[in-house]
Amino acid sequence: MTTLDREQPRATDGAPGDGAARPLPLMLAVPAAVLAGVALLLAFPPYGWWPLAPVGVALLAAAVHRRRLRAGAGLGFLTGVALFASLLEWTNLHTGYLPWALLSLLQAAYLALLGAATAWVSPLADRHRAAWPLLTGVLWVGQEALRDRTPFGGFPWGRLAFSQDTSPLLKLAALGGAPLVTFAVAVAGGLLVTAAWRDWRHTPGQWRPVAGLTAALVALLAAGAAVPTGVRGAGGTVTVAIVQGNVPRLGLDFNAQRQAVLNNHVDATLDLARRVAEGGQDRPDVVVWPENSSDIDPLRNPGAGERISQAADAIGAPILVGAVLVGPGRGEVRNAGLLWRPGTGPDLDQVYTKRHPVPFAEYVPLRSIARKVSSQVDRVRSDFVPGDRPGVLDTGPAVLGDVICFEVAYDGVVRDTVTGGAQLLVVQTNNATFDVAEARQQLAMVRLRAVEHGRAALMASTVGVSGFVSPDGRVDGATGFNTAAVVVRQMELGDGRTPATTAGVWPEVALTALAVAALTGAAVLRRRRREAAPG
């Protein structure tokens, strides 16, 4: 007998139409848990089969229902490994297998907690069948709230909301941000498992509740599609150019040729200036270069500064440069968005320093301990220090809300730029150390942020994928991967706040509080059943 077999509860209080209250047989539960992870994976870019996200949620819920905590955790962990080992595969392209394995296992551990929590609330789901979808929804939100913040600031990659970039549910982001979209996806999965979990051998009357649950699912999708997006315009438009200069070669050593990367972006901007002078292209009001477009500190290196000034003067527009700046302390650097104006050069009043550096990639916490696990940590020679202000940059023609790379995954970092006055969202990123799957996953996040805050947005990458996003989440001018490109578009400036911007973190707080209440309610119900049991 296996450990999971021993963990199956011996409950006898059946739900109506279910026969004895037993969990799914183990020979079905294990494959269901693995298939749940695969279905969730396929919902994300580059696959983008978003309807499979609720299917994955339903499969996991079915696998762990009525199991004990240890069995629920084990099955949840299987789902997590099946999801994250493939979803985060791009992390092992240039750093080896150990960091990828550790990160994947860590993320899978949160789904293990979710599996245990879902198993724990099984008595509530059985007693109040109509509440099962809601229980599923709040537990997923609670799991993501924890994973997004722990450890070392969390890692929100793989949230259910980020799989819905082409789904009708995406528009719900305008009401409650990513947590509400995750909740809706998980509720949809809960509706599926509630409809399917019944004794199909007894057919009389079975289709009535199934029809009702199906109608609820259709209503949920229709409600999402009906949500209005965008906010009132700020009274104008701005022409923006994205410069994707590309790198000499992909990989961790892309910055070994830092001058070549800078030259690529300068030369591409000079070529754009020639086309403008010849009348073949409208002059942009703002030019955006990606993260790491100048890994040579242009404030300390006169040659780098001269090259950027050459580009800004030629195009006649301010350039938002992704730069690595040395300091402020010894052995410290900053990952920054630096505004470079034509004629005057760097505007030191308009600098954004990345607020959420990536642990073990841009800085190494507990370095002496981490070195014992992997010598790869010594690739990070200098620790990036975080900034202390939101990325609100006034270019003149427009106020930009700048976030850098993975920061787009963090709700508060993006929201702070909008509440600070941003009229246009900008994501500067460097995907040269990853692949096209990672880039497309990141662009899906930009689409959600545009809808969430009612702002046009753009993503500028060194190697792709770059592109523009309208406030309703549509993508325009997307570039290829590992190629040089320049894309120019006119973008509407946004003003005002969506309900999601106004509410901030409170929808997530409320849904997480309901998850805690559900866990507490299940504990009370379990205790009462033990007290009422004979003997």
Protein backbone atom coordinates (compact mmCIF):
# COMPACT_ATOMS: atom_id res chain seq x y z
CA MET A 1 0.00 0.00 0.00
CA THR A 2 1.42 3.41 -0.99
CA THR A 3 1.63 6.50 1.19
CA LEU A 4 -1.08 8.21 -0.83
CA ASP A 5 -3.34 5.17 -0.38
CA ARG A 6 -2.94 5.38 3.37
CA GLU A 7 -3.78 9.08 3.23
CA GLN A 8 -7.21 8.55 1.73
CA PRO A 9 -9.91 9.56 4.21
CA ARG A 10 -12.41 7.00 5.41
CA ALA A 11 -15.39 9.36 5.33
CA THR A 12 -18.86 7.89 5.08
CA ASP A 13 -21.08 10.96 4.76
CA GLY A 14 -21.94 10.98 1.08
CA ALA A 15 -23.14 14.03 -0.83
CA PRO A 16 -26.42 13.75 -2.68
CA GLY A 17 -26.01 11.72 -5.84
CA ASP A 18 -22.40 10.82 -5.07
CA GLY A 19 -22.74 7.55 -3.22
CA ALA A 20 -20.14 7.07 -0.52
CA ALA A 21 -17.95 10.12 0.12
CA ARG A 22 -14.71 8.71 -1.22
CA PRO A 23 -11.92 10.48 -3.08
CA LEU A 24 -11.11 9.81 -6.69
CA PRO A 25 -9.30 6.47 -6.97
CA LEU A 26 -5.57 6.96 -6.75
CA MET A 27 -4.98 5.39 -10.16
CA LEU A 28 -7.06 8.26 -11.56
CA ALA A 29 -6.02 11.03 -9.15
CA VAL A 30 -2.30 10.90 -9.97
CA PRO A 31 -2.78 11.19 -13.77
CA ALA A 32 -5.40 13.89 -13.15
CA ALA A 33 -2.91 15.92 -11.10
CA VAL A 34 -0.25 15.63 -13.81
CA LEU A 35 -2.73 16.47 -16.55
CA ALA A 36 -3.81 19.48 -14.51
CA GLY A 37 -0.28 20.86 -14.73
CA VAL A 38 -0.09 20.14 -18.46
CA ALA A 39 -3.44 21.83 -19.10
CA LEU A 40 -2.34 24.89 -17.13
CA LEU A 41 0.93 25.01 -19.05
CA LEU A 42 -0.84 24.94 -22.42
CA ALA A 43 -3.02 27.87 -21.35
CA PHE A 44 0.02 30.17 -21.24
CA PRO A 45 1.94 31.64 -24.17
CA PRO A 46 3.44 30.56 -26.47
CA TYR A 47 0.60 27.99 -26.68
CA GLY A 48 -2.17 30.31 -25.56
CA TRP A 49 -5.01 27.78 -25.22
CA TRP A 50 -6.63 29.82 -22.46
CA PRO A 51 -9.75 27.59 -21.99
CA LEU A 52 -7.44 24.89 -20.64
CA ALA A 53 -6.70 26.97 -17.52
CA PRO A 54 -10.13 26.24 -15.95
CA VAL A 55 -9.73 22.61 -17.06
CA GLY A 56 -6.42 22.40 -15.18
CA VAL A 57 -8.00 23.96 -12.10
CA ALA A 58 -10.86 21.45 -12.25
CA LEU A 59 -8.54 18.45 -12.63
CA LEU A 60 -6.49 19.45 -9.60
CA ALA A 61 -9.63 20.09 -7.54
CA ALA A 62 -10.99 16.67 -8.46
CA ALA A 63 -7.69 14.91 -7.72
CA VAL A 64 -7.39 16.28 -4.17
CA HIS A 65 -11.07 16.40 -3.16
CA ARG A 66 -11.77 14.43 0.05
CA ARG A 67 -8.12 13.54 0.55
CA ARG A 68 -6.08 14.18 3.66
CA LEU A 69 -3.57 16.97 3.81
CA ARG A 70 -0.46 15.00 2.96
CA ALA A 71 -2.08 13.37 -0.06
CA GLY A 72 -3.53 16.69 -1.23
CA ALA A 73 -0.09 18.29 -0.93
CA GLY A 74 1.54 15.47 -2.85
CA LEU A 75 -0.92 15.70 -5.71
CA GLY A 76 -0.69 19.49 -5.77
CA PHE A 77 3.07 19.18 -5.97
CA LEU A 78 2.75 16.90 -9.00
CA THR A 79 0.61 19.56 -10.69
CA GLY A 80 3.15 22.22 -9.79
CA VAL A 81 6.08 20.28 -11.21
CA ALA A 82 4.21 19.50 -14.43
CA LEU A 83 3.40 23.22 -14.80
CA PHE A 84 6.50 25.05 -13.66
CA ALA A 85 9.21 22.72 -14.91
CA SER A 86 8.09 23.47 -18.46
CA LEU A 87 6.78 27.01 -17.98
CA LEU A 88 10.13 28.12 -16.52
CA GLU A 89 12.28 26.07 -18.87
CA TRP A 90 13.80 29.27 -20.26
CA THR A 91 15.61 29.80 -16.95
CA ASN A 92 17.99 26.89 -17.67
CA LEU A 93 19.08 27.99 -21.14
CA HIS A 94 22.28 29.65 -19.95
CA THR A 95 22.61 28.97 -16.21
CA GLY A 96 22.43 25.18 -16.10
CA TYR A 97 19.82 22.90 -14.65
CA LEU A 98 20.24 23.52 -10.92
CA PRO A 99 18.78 27.06 -10.72
CA TRP A 100 15.89 26.01 -12.98
CA ALA A 101 15.21 22.92 -10.89
CA LEU A 102 15.32 24.83 -7.60
CA LEU A 103 13.02 27.57 -8.87
CA SER A 104 10.55 25.09 -10.38
CA LEU A 105 10.43 23.01 -7.20
CA LEU A 106 9.96 26.11 -5.07
CA GLN A 107 7.02 27.27 -7.18
CA ALA A 108 5.56 23.75 -7.17
CA ALA A 109 5.63 23.84 -3.37
CA TYR A 110 2.99 26.57 -3.44
CA LEU A 111 0.69 24.36 -5.46
CA ALA A 112 1.37 21.66 -2.87
CA LEU A 113 -0.01 24.08 -0.27
CA LEU A 114 -2.97 24.74 -2.55
CA GLY A 115 -3.58 20.99 -2.90
CA ALA A 116 -3.55 20.56 0.86
CA ALA A 117 -5.86 23.55 1.37
CA THR A 118 -8.29 22.28 -1.28
CA ALA A 119 -8.37 18.87 0.37
CA TRP A 120 -8.94 20.54 3.74
CA VAL A 121 -12.07 22.39 2.61
CA SER A 122 -13.61 19.28 1.05
CA PRO A 123 -16.26 18.96 3.83
CA LEU A 124 -17.46 22.48 3.03
CA ALA A 125 -17.65 21.69 -0.68
CA ASP A 126 -19.64 18.54 0.05
CA ARG A 127 -21.99 20.23 2.49
CA HIS A 128 -22.58 23.34 0.37
CA ARG A 129 -22.15 22.14 -3.20
CA ALA A 130 -22.99 25.55 -4.68
CA ALA A 131 -20.03 27.03 -2.78
CA TRP A 132 -17.44 24.71 -4.36
CA PRO A 133 -16.61 27.08 -7.27
CA LEU A 134 -16.21 30.01 -4.88
CA LEU A 135 -14.01 27.96 -2.56
CA THR A 136 -11.83 27.03 -5.52
CA GLY A 137 -11.57 30.67 -6.57
CA VAL A 138 -10.56 32.14 -3.22
CA LEU A 139 -8.00 29.40 -2.51
CA TRP A 140 -6.26 30.06 -5.84
CA VAL A 141 -6.13 33.78 -5.11
CA GLY A 142 -4.76 33.11 -1.63
CA GLN A 143 -2.08 30.80 -3.01
CA GLU A 144 -0.99 33.38 -5.56
CA ALA A 145 -0.99 36.18 -2.99
CA LEU A 146 1.48 34.15 -0.93
CA ARG A 147 3.61 33.06 -3.90
CA ASP A 148 3.77 36.60 -5.27
CA ARG A 149 5.42 37.85 -2.08
CA THR A 150 7.57 35.07 -0.65
CA PRO A 151 10.45 34.44 -0.41
CA PHE A 152 12.61 37.51 -1.19
CA GLY A 153 9.69 39.45 -2.64
CA GLY A 154 8.09 36.52 -4.46
CA PHE A 155 7.91 35.37 -8.07
CA PRO A 156 4.46 35.93 -9.66
CA TRP A 157 5.23 34.15 -12.94
CA GLY A 158 2.54 31.64 -13.87
CA ARG A 159 -0.45 33.36 -12.24
CA LEU A 160 -3.72 32.16 -13.73
CA ALA A 161 -4.50 35.72 -14.80
CA PHE A 162 -1.45 35.83 -17.07
CA SER A 163 -2.81 32.92 -19.13
CA GLN A 164 -5.88 34.89 -20.19
CA ASP A 165 -4.43 37.50 -22.54
CA THR A 166 -6.82 36.48 -25.34
CA SER A 167 -9.72 35.43 -23.11
CA PRO A 168 -12.98 37.30 -22.46
CA LEU A 169 -12.03 37.16 -18.79
CA LEU A 170 -9.08 39.52 -19.41
CA LYS A 171 -11.41 42.52 -19.24
CA LEU A 172 -12.19 41.72 -15.60
CA ALA A 173 -8.74 43.14 -14.86
CA ALA A 174 -10.26 46.61 -15.24
CA LEU A 175 -12.46 45.88 -12.21
CA GLY A 176 -10.12 44.03 -9.86
CA GLY A 177 -6.75 43.54 -11.49
CA ALA A 178 -4.94 40.23 -11.84
CA PRO A 179 -6.44 38.77 -8.61
CA LEU A 180 -9.98 39.12 -9.97
CA VAL A 181 -9.01 37.48 -13.26
CA THR A 182 -7.38 34.61 -11.38
CA PHE A 183 -10.50 34.30 -9.23
CA ALA A 184 -12.74 34.13 -12.30
CA VAL A 185 -10.58 31.48 -13.98
CA ALA A 186 -10.54 29.37 -10.81
CA VAL A 187 -14.30 29.80 -10.34
CA ALA A 188 -14.76 28.57 -13.91
CA GLY A 189 -12.67 25.54 -13.00
CA GLY A 190 -14.76 25.08 -9.88
CA LEU A 191 -17.93 25.12 -11.97
CA LEU A 192 -16.47 22.40 -14.18
CA VAL A 193 -15.54 20.11 -11.29
CA THR A 194 -18.87 20.73 -9.55
CA ALA A 195 -20.70 19.74 -12.72
CA ALA A 196 -18.58 16.64 -13.27
CA TRP A 197 -18.38 15.35 -9.66
CA ARG A 198 -21.47 13.18 -9.40
CA ASP A 199 -22.48 9.57 -9.74
CA TRP A 200 -23.26 9.35 -13.43
CA ARG A 201 -24.68 5.85 -13.01
CA HIS A 202 -27.84 7.41 -11.64
CA THR A 203 -29.03 9.47 -14.58
CA PRO A 204 -32.49 10.77 -13.50
CA GLY A 205 -32.23 14.49 -12.82
CA GLN A 206 -28.46 14.64 -13.37
CA TRP A 207 -28.65 17.05 -16.27
CA ARG A 208 -30.60 19.76 -14.45
CA PRO A 209 -27.75 20.83 -12.13
CA VAL A 210 -25.25 20.31 -14.93
CA ALA A 211 -27.27 22.61 -17.18
CA GLY A 212 -27.41 25.20 -14.41
CA LEU A 213 -23.67 25.08 -13.84
CA THR A 214 -23.02 25.31 -17.57
CA ALA A 215 -25.25 28.37 -17.75
CA ALA A 216 -23.28 29.90 -14.87
CA LEU A 217 -20.02 29.27 -16.75
CA VAL A 218 -21.35 30.89 -19.91
CA ALA A 219 -22.64 33.84 -17.86
CA LEU A 220 -19.20 34.27 -16.29
CA LEU A 221 -17.51 34.46 -19.69
CA ALA A 222 -20.18 36.81 -21.01
CA ALA A 223 -19.83 39.07 -17.98
CA GLY A 224 -16.10 39.29 -18.56
CA ALA A 225 -16.54 40.17 -22.22
CA ALA A 226 -19.06 42.90 -21.33
CA VAL A 227 -16.74 44.85 -19.00
CA PRO A 228 -15.84 48.23 -20.56
CA THR A 229 -12.13 48.97 -20.87
CA GLY A 230 -10.09 52.15 -20.93
CA VAL A 231 -10.64 55.48 -19.21
CA ARG A 232 -11.10 58.97 -20.56
CA GLY A 233 -8.30 60.26 -22.74
CA ALA A 234 -5.82 62.83 -21.51
CA GLY A 235 -6.59 65.07 -24.45
CA GLY A 236 -4.00 63.99 -26.95
CA THR A 237 -1.81 61.42 -28.58
CA VAL A 238 1.91 60.83 -28.72
CA THR A 239 4.04 59.21 -31.40
CA VAL A 240 6.40 56.65 -29.88
CA ALA A 241 9.25 54.71 -31.45
CA ILE A 242 10.46 51.41 -30.02
CA VAL A 243 14.05 50.62 -30.93
CA GLN A 244 14.96 46.93 -30.69
CA GLY A 245 18.66 46.95 -31.49
CA ASN A 246 19.32 43.22 -30.92
CA VAL A 247 22.54 41.78 -29.46
CA PRO A 248 25.57 40.11 -31.06
CA ARG A 249 24.63 36.79 -29.50
CA LEU A 250 22.07 35.46 -27.04
CA GLY A 251 23.10 34.21 -23.61
CA LEU A 252 24.50 35.43 -20.34
CA ASP A 253 27.54 36.87 -22.09
CA PHE A 254 25.44 39.21 -24.26
CA ASN A 255 26.90 42.10 -22.25
CA ALA A 256 30.46 40.98 -22.94
CA GLN A 257 29.99 43.10 -26.05
CA ARG A 258 28.34 46.03 -24.31
CA GLN A 259 29.64 48.55 -26.81
CA ALA A 260 28.18 46.54 -29.68
CA VAL A 261 24.76 46.44 -27.99
CA LEU A 262 24.84 50.21 -27.43
CA ASN A 263 25.99 50.77 -31.03
CA ASN A 264 23.13 48.64 -32.32
CA HIS A 265 20.58 50.89 -30.61
CA VAL A 266 22.34 54.09 -31.62
CA ASP A 267 22.66 53.00 -35.25
CA ALA A 268 19.02 51.90 -35.43
CA THR A 269 17.96 55.30 -34.07
CA LEU A 270 20.19 57.12 -36.55
CA ASP A 271 18.62 55.11 -39.36
CA LEU A 272 15.17 56.11 -38.09
CA ALA A 273 16.31 59.76 -38.07
CA ARG A 274 17.38 59.45 -41.72
CA ARG A 275 13.97 58.10 -42.68
CA VAL A 276 12.30 60.95 -40.80
CA ALA A 277 14.51 63.50 -42.60
CA GLU A 278 13.63 61.94 -45.95
CA GLY A 279 9.92 62.18 -45.19
CA GLY A 280 9.34 58.45 -45.06
CA GLN A 281 8.47 58.35 -41.37
CA ASP A 282 6.78 60.70 -38.90
CA ARG A 283 9.09 62.08 -36.27
CA PRO A 284 8.47 60.38 -32.93
CA ASP A 285 7.79 62.47 -29.85
CA VAL A 286 9.50 59.89 -27.63
CA VAL A 287 11.93 57.05 -28.36
CA VAL A 288 12.13 54.03 -26.05
CA TRP A 289 15.21 51.84 -25.83
CA PRO A 290 15.03 48.58 -23.85
CA GLU A 291 16.61 47.48 -20.61
CA ASN A 292 20.39 46.98 -20.91
CA SER A 293 20.61 48.99 -24.13
CA SER A 294 23.56 50.75 -22.48
CA ASP A 295 25.32 48.53 -19.96
CA ILE A 296 28.15 51.06 -20.15
CA ASP A 297 27.26 53.76 -17.62
CA PRO A 298 26.76 56.80 -19.89
CA LEU A 299 27.03 59.16 -16.92
CA ARG A 300 30.59 58.00 -16.25
CA ASN A 301 31.76 56.96 -19.69
CA PRO A 302 32.06 59.99 -22.04
CA GLY A 303 32.14 57.79 -25.14
CA ALA A 304 28.85 56.10 -24.30
CA GLY A 305 27.25 59.42 -23.44
CA GLU A 306 28.39 60.96 -26.72
CA ARG A 307 26.89 58.13 -28.74
CA ILE A 308 23.51 58.45 -27.00
CA SER A 309 23.59 62.23 -27.49
CA GLN A 310 24.33 61.67 -31.18
CA ALA A 311 21.19 59.53 -31.46
CA ALA A 312 18.98 61.93 -29.46
CA ASP A 313 20.16 64.98 -31.41
CA ALA A 314 19.62 63.23 -34.74
CA ILE A 315 16.08 62.08 -33.98
CA GLY A 316 15.18 65.33 -32.21
CA ALA A 317 13.27 63.58 -29.44
CA PRO A 318 14.00 62.41 -25.89
CA ILE A 319 15.19 58.81 -25.59
CA LEU A 320 14.34 56.61 -22.62
CA VAL A 321 17.55 54.62 -22.25
CA GLY A 322 17.81 51.35 -20.32
CA ALA A 323 21.12 51.86 -18.56
CA VAL A 324 23.24 50.22 -15.89
CA LEU A 325 24.48 52.97 -13.59
CA VAL A 326 27.38 52.49 -11.21
CA GLY A 327 26.80 53.18 -7.50
CA PRO A 328 25.66 54.64 -5.24
CA GLY A 329 27.85 52.46 -3.01
CA ARG A 330 31.01 50.53 -3.74
CA GLY A 331 30.26 47.27 -5.50
CA GLU A 332 26.70 48.41 -6.22
CA VAL A 333 24.93 49.19 -9.46
CA ARG A 334 21.46 50.33 -10.52
CA ASN A 335 19.21 49.07 -13.29
CA ALA A 336 17.70 52.30 -14.54
CA GLY A 337 15.51 54.01 -17.10
CA LEU A 338 17.31 57.28 -17.89
CA LEU A 339 15.77 60.06 -19.99
CA TRP A 340 18.22 61.53 -22.51
CA ARG A 341 17.11 64.78 -24.15
CA PRO A 342 18.30 66.20 -27.47
CA GLY A 343 20.69 69.08 -27.04
CA THR A 344 21.04 68.80 -23.27
CA GLY A 345 21.79 65.12 -22.65
CA PRO A 346 20.80 63.21 -19.51
CA ASP A 347 17.93 64.59 -17.45
CA LEU A 348 18.90 63.55 -13.94
CA ASP A 349 15.49 64.56 -12.62
CA GLN A 350 13.89 61.91 -14.82
CA VAL A 351 15.60 58.68 -13.79
CA TYR A 352 13.86 55.52 -12.65
CA THR A 353 15.80 52.90 -10.70
CA LYS A 354 14.30 49.41 -10.74
CA ARG A 355 12.50 48.90 -7.44
CA HIS A 356 12.32 45.11 -7.50
CA PRO A 357 15.67 43.59 -8.51
CA VAL A 358 15.50 39.85 -9.15
CA PRO A 359 17.07 37.78 -6.34
CA PHE A 360 19.92 35.49 -7.42
CA ALA A 361 19.99 37.21 -10.82
CA GLU A 362 20.49 40.92 -10.05
CA TYR A 363 21.50 40.54 -6.42
CA VAL A 364 22.39 37.57 -4.25
CA PRO A 365 20.77 37.31 -0.82
CA LEU A 366 22.64 35.12 1.65
CA ARG A 367 25.53 34.96 -0.82
CA SER A 368 27.83 32.76 1.30
CA ILE A 369 25.09 30.17 1.73
CA ALA A 370 23.91 30.42 -1.87
CA ARG A 371 27.46 29.80 -3.11
CA LYS A 372 27.45 26.41 -1.41
CA VAL A 373 24.40 25.47 -3.46
CA SER A 374 25.65 26.76 -6.81
CA SER A 375 28.73 28.63 -7.93
CA GLN A 376 26.52 30.32 -10.57
CA VAL A 377 25.74 33.03 -8.01
CA ASP A 378 29.23 34.44 -8.53
CA ARG A 379 28.19 35.49 -12.02
CA VAL A 380 26.44 38.34 -10.18
CA ARG A 381 29.57 40.30 -9.32
CA SER A 382 27.82 43.48 -8.20
CA ASP A 383 24.49 43.67 -6.41
CA PHE A 384 21.80 45.82 -7.98
CA VAL A 385 20.29 48.12 -5.39
CA PRO A 386 16.55 48.92 -5.49
CA GLY A 387 15.11 52.32 -6.17
CA ASP A 388 12.70 54.00 -3.80
CA ARG A 389 10.39 55.87 -6.19
CA PRO A 390 7.83 54.76 -8.79
CA GLY A 391 8.88 55.06 -12.41
CA VAL A 392 6.97 58.22 -13.29
CA LEU A 393 8.98 60.07 -15.93
CA ASP A 394 7.91 63.34 -17.56
CA THR A 395 9.29 63.40 -21.08
CA GLY A 396 7.45 66.60 -22.05
CA PRO A 397 5.16 65.11 -24.68
CA ALA A 398 3.93 62.43 -22.26
CA VAL A 399 4.29 61.18 -18.69
CA LEU A 400 5.56 57.60 -18.81
CA GLY A 401 4.96 54.89 -16.25
CA ASP A 402 8.20 52.94 -16.51
CA VAL A 403 8.75 49.45 -15.10
CA ILE A 404 11.70 47.23 -15.89
CA CYS A 405 11.55 43.59 -16.98
CA PHE A 406 9.98 41.22 -14.41
CA GLU A 407 8.49 44.16 -12.51
CA VAL A 408 5.50 44.01 -14.86
CA ALA A 409 4.41 40.88 -12.96
CA TYR A 410 4.07 42.78 -9.66
CA ASP A 411 0.73 44.52 -9.18
CA GLY A 412 1.86 47.33 -6.91
CA VAL A 413 4.91 48.35 -8.93
CA VAL A 414 2.79 49.01 -12.02
CA ARG A 415 -0.10 50.60 -10.16
CA ASP A 416 2.19 53.10 -8.42
CA THR A 417 3.15 54.60 -11.78
CA VAL A 418 -0.49 55.16 -12.71
CA THR A 419 -1.46 56.70 -9.39
CA GLY A 420 1.67 58.84 -9.77
CA GLY A 421 0.33 60.34 -12.98
CA ALA A 422 1.52 58.08 -15.81
CA GLN A 423 -0.35 58.57 -19.09
CA LEU A 424 1.36 55.69 -20.89
CA LEU A 425 2.82 52.42 -19.55
CA VAL A 426 6.31 51.40 -20.64
CA VAL A 427 8.02 48.07 -19.96
CA GLN A 428 11.76 48.05 -20.69
CA THR A 429 13.08 44.51 -20.82
CA ASN A 430 16.02 42.39 -21.92
CA ASN A 431 15.14 38.90 -23.14
CA ALA A 432 18.61 38.09 -24.51
CA THR A 433 19.20 35.55 -21.74
CA PHE A 434 15.88 33.77 -22.31
CA ASP A 435 13.79 32.73 -25.31
CA VAL A 436 10.70 33.67 -27.27
CA ALA A 437 8.38 31.77 -24.90
CA GLU A 438 9.48 33.95 -21.98
CA ALA A 439 9.10 37.09 -24.08
CA ARG A 440 5.55 36.18 -25.12
CA GLN A 441 4.63 35.36 -21.52
CA GLN A 442 5.87 38.79 -20.54
CA LEU A 443 3.90 40.50 -23.31
CA ALA A 444 0.77 38.77 -21.98
CA MET A 445 1.38 40.52 -18.67
CA VAL A 446 1.68 43.87 -20.45
CA ARG A 447 -1.70 43.23 -22.06
CA LEU A 448 -3.29 42.62 -18.67
CA ARG A 449 -1.72 45.78 -17.22
CA ALA A 450 -3.05 47.88 -20.09
CA VAL A 451 -6.59 46.66 -19.43
CA GLU A 452 -6.19 46.84 -15.66
CA HIS A 453 -5.28 50.53 -15.66
CA GLY A 454 -6.94 51.74 -18.85
CA ARG A 455 -3.63 52.83 -20.33
CA ALA A 456 -1.98 52.20 -23.66
CA ALA A 457 1.25 50.32 -23.05
CA LEU A 458 4.36 49.13 -24.82
CA MET A 459 7.14 46.64 -24.29
CA ALA A 460 10.61 47.41 -25.59
CA SER A 461 13.02 44.46 -25.68
CA THR A 462 16.63 44.18 -26.75
CA VAL A 463 15.89 41.11 -28.88
CA GLY A 464 12.07 40.85 -28.95
CA VAL A 465 9.26 40.51 -28.53
CA SER A 466 8.53 44.26 -28.52
CA GLY A 467 5.14 45.78 -29.30
CA PHE A 468 2.37 48.23 -28.54
CA VAL A 469 -0.79 47.40 -26.57
CA SER A 470 -4.07 49.34 -26.59
CA PRO A 471 -6.12 49.87 -23.40
CA ASP A 472 -8.39 46.97 -24.39
CA GLY A 473 -5.43 44.58 -24.58
CA ARG A 474 -4.91 44.36 -28.34
CA VAL A 475 -1.32 44.09 -29.59
CA ASP A 476 0.00 46.06 -32.53
CA GLY A 477 3.42 46.11 -34.18
CA ALA A 478 4.79 43.03 -32.41
CA THR A 479 8.35 42.29 -33.50
CA GLY A 480 10.10 39.00 -34.11
CA PHE A 481 12.59 37.40 -31.73
CA ASN A 482 16.39 37.70 -32.02
CA THR A 483 16.17 40.38 -34.68
CA ALA A 484 16.65 44.11 -35.01
CA ALA A 485 13.53 46.22 -35.49
CA VAL A 486 12.17 49.74 -35.15
CA VAL A 487 8.42 50.23 -34.75
CA VAL A 488 6.64 53.59 -34.63
CA ARG A 489 3.04 54.06 -33.56
CA GLN A 490 0.75 56.85 -32.43
CA MET A 491 -0.60 56.16 -28.95
CA GLU A 492 -3.46 57.69 -27.03
CA LEU A 493 -2.60 59.19 -23.67
CA GLY A 494 -4.69 58.02 -20.73
CA ASP A 495 -6.05 59.84 -17.72
CA GLY A 496 -8.25 58.93 -14.78
CA ARG A 497 -8.45 55.62 -12.98
CA THR A 498 -10.19 52.33 -13.57
CA PRO A 499 -12.00 50.62 -10.67
CA ALA A 500 -8.98 48.30 -10.40
CA THR A 501 -6.56 51.22 -10.09
CA THR A 502 -8.74 52.81 -7.44
CA ALA A 503 -9.22 49.59 -5.48
CA GLY A 504 -5.54 48.65 -5.51
CA VAL A 505 -4.72 45.66 -3.35
CA TRP A 506 -8.14 45.44 -1.66
CA PRO A 507 -9.79 42.92 -4.01
CA GLU A 508 -6.90 40.55 -3.35
CA VAL A 509 -7.10 41.22 0.39
CA ALA A 510 -10.83 40.51 0.42
CA LEU A 511 -10.54 37.29 -1.58
CA THR A 512 -7.59 36.10 0.51
CA ALA A 513 -9.54 36.84 3.68
CA LEU A 514 -12.37 34.67 2.32
CA ALA A 515 -9.82 31.90 1.71
CA VAL A 516 -8.73 32.12 5.35
CA ALA A 517 -12.36 32.10 6.42
CA ALA A 518 -12.98 28.98 4.32
CA LEU A 519 -10.04 27.17 5.91
CA THR A 520 -11.30 28.18 9.34
CA GLY A 521 -14.84 27.11 8.54
CA ALA A 522 -13.60 23.73 7.35
CA ALA A 523 -11.69 23.32 10.62
CA VAL A 524 -14.85 24.05 12.62
CA LEU A 525 -16.90 21.61 10.55
CA ARG A 526 -14.30 18.88 10.90
CA ARG A 527 -14.16 19.35 14.67
CA ARG A 528 -17.94 19.15 14.96
CA ARG A 529 -17.97 15.93 12.95
CA ARG A 530 -15.31 14.40 15.17
CA GLU A 531 -17.28 15.37 18.27
CA ALA A 532 -20.47 13.93 16.81
CA ALA A 533 -18.85 10.67 15.74
CA PRO A 534 -19.93 7.67 17.85
CA GLY A 535 -17.40 6.33 20.35
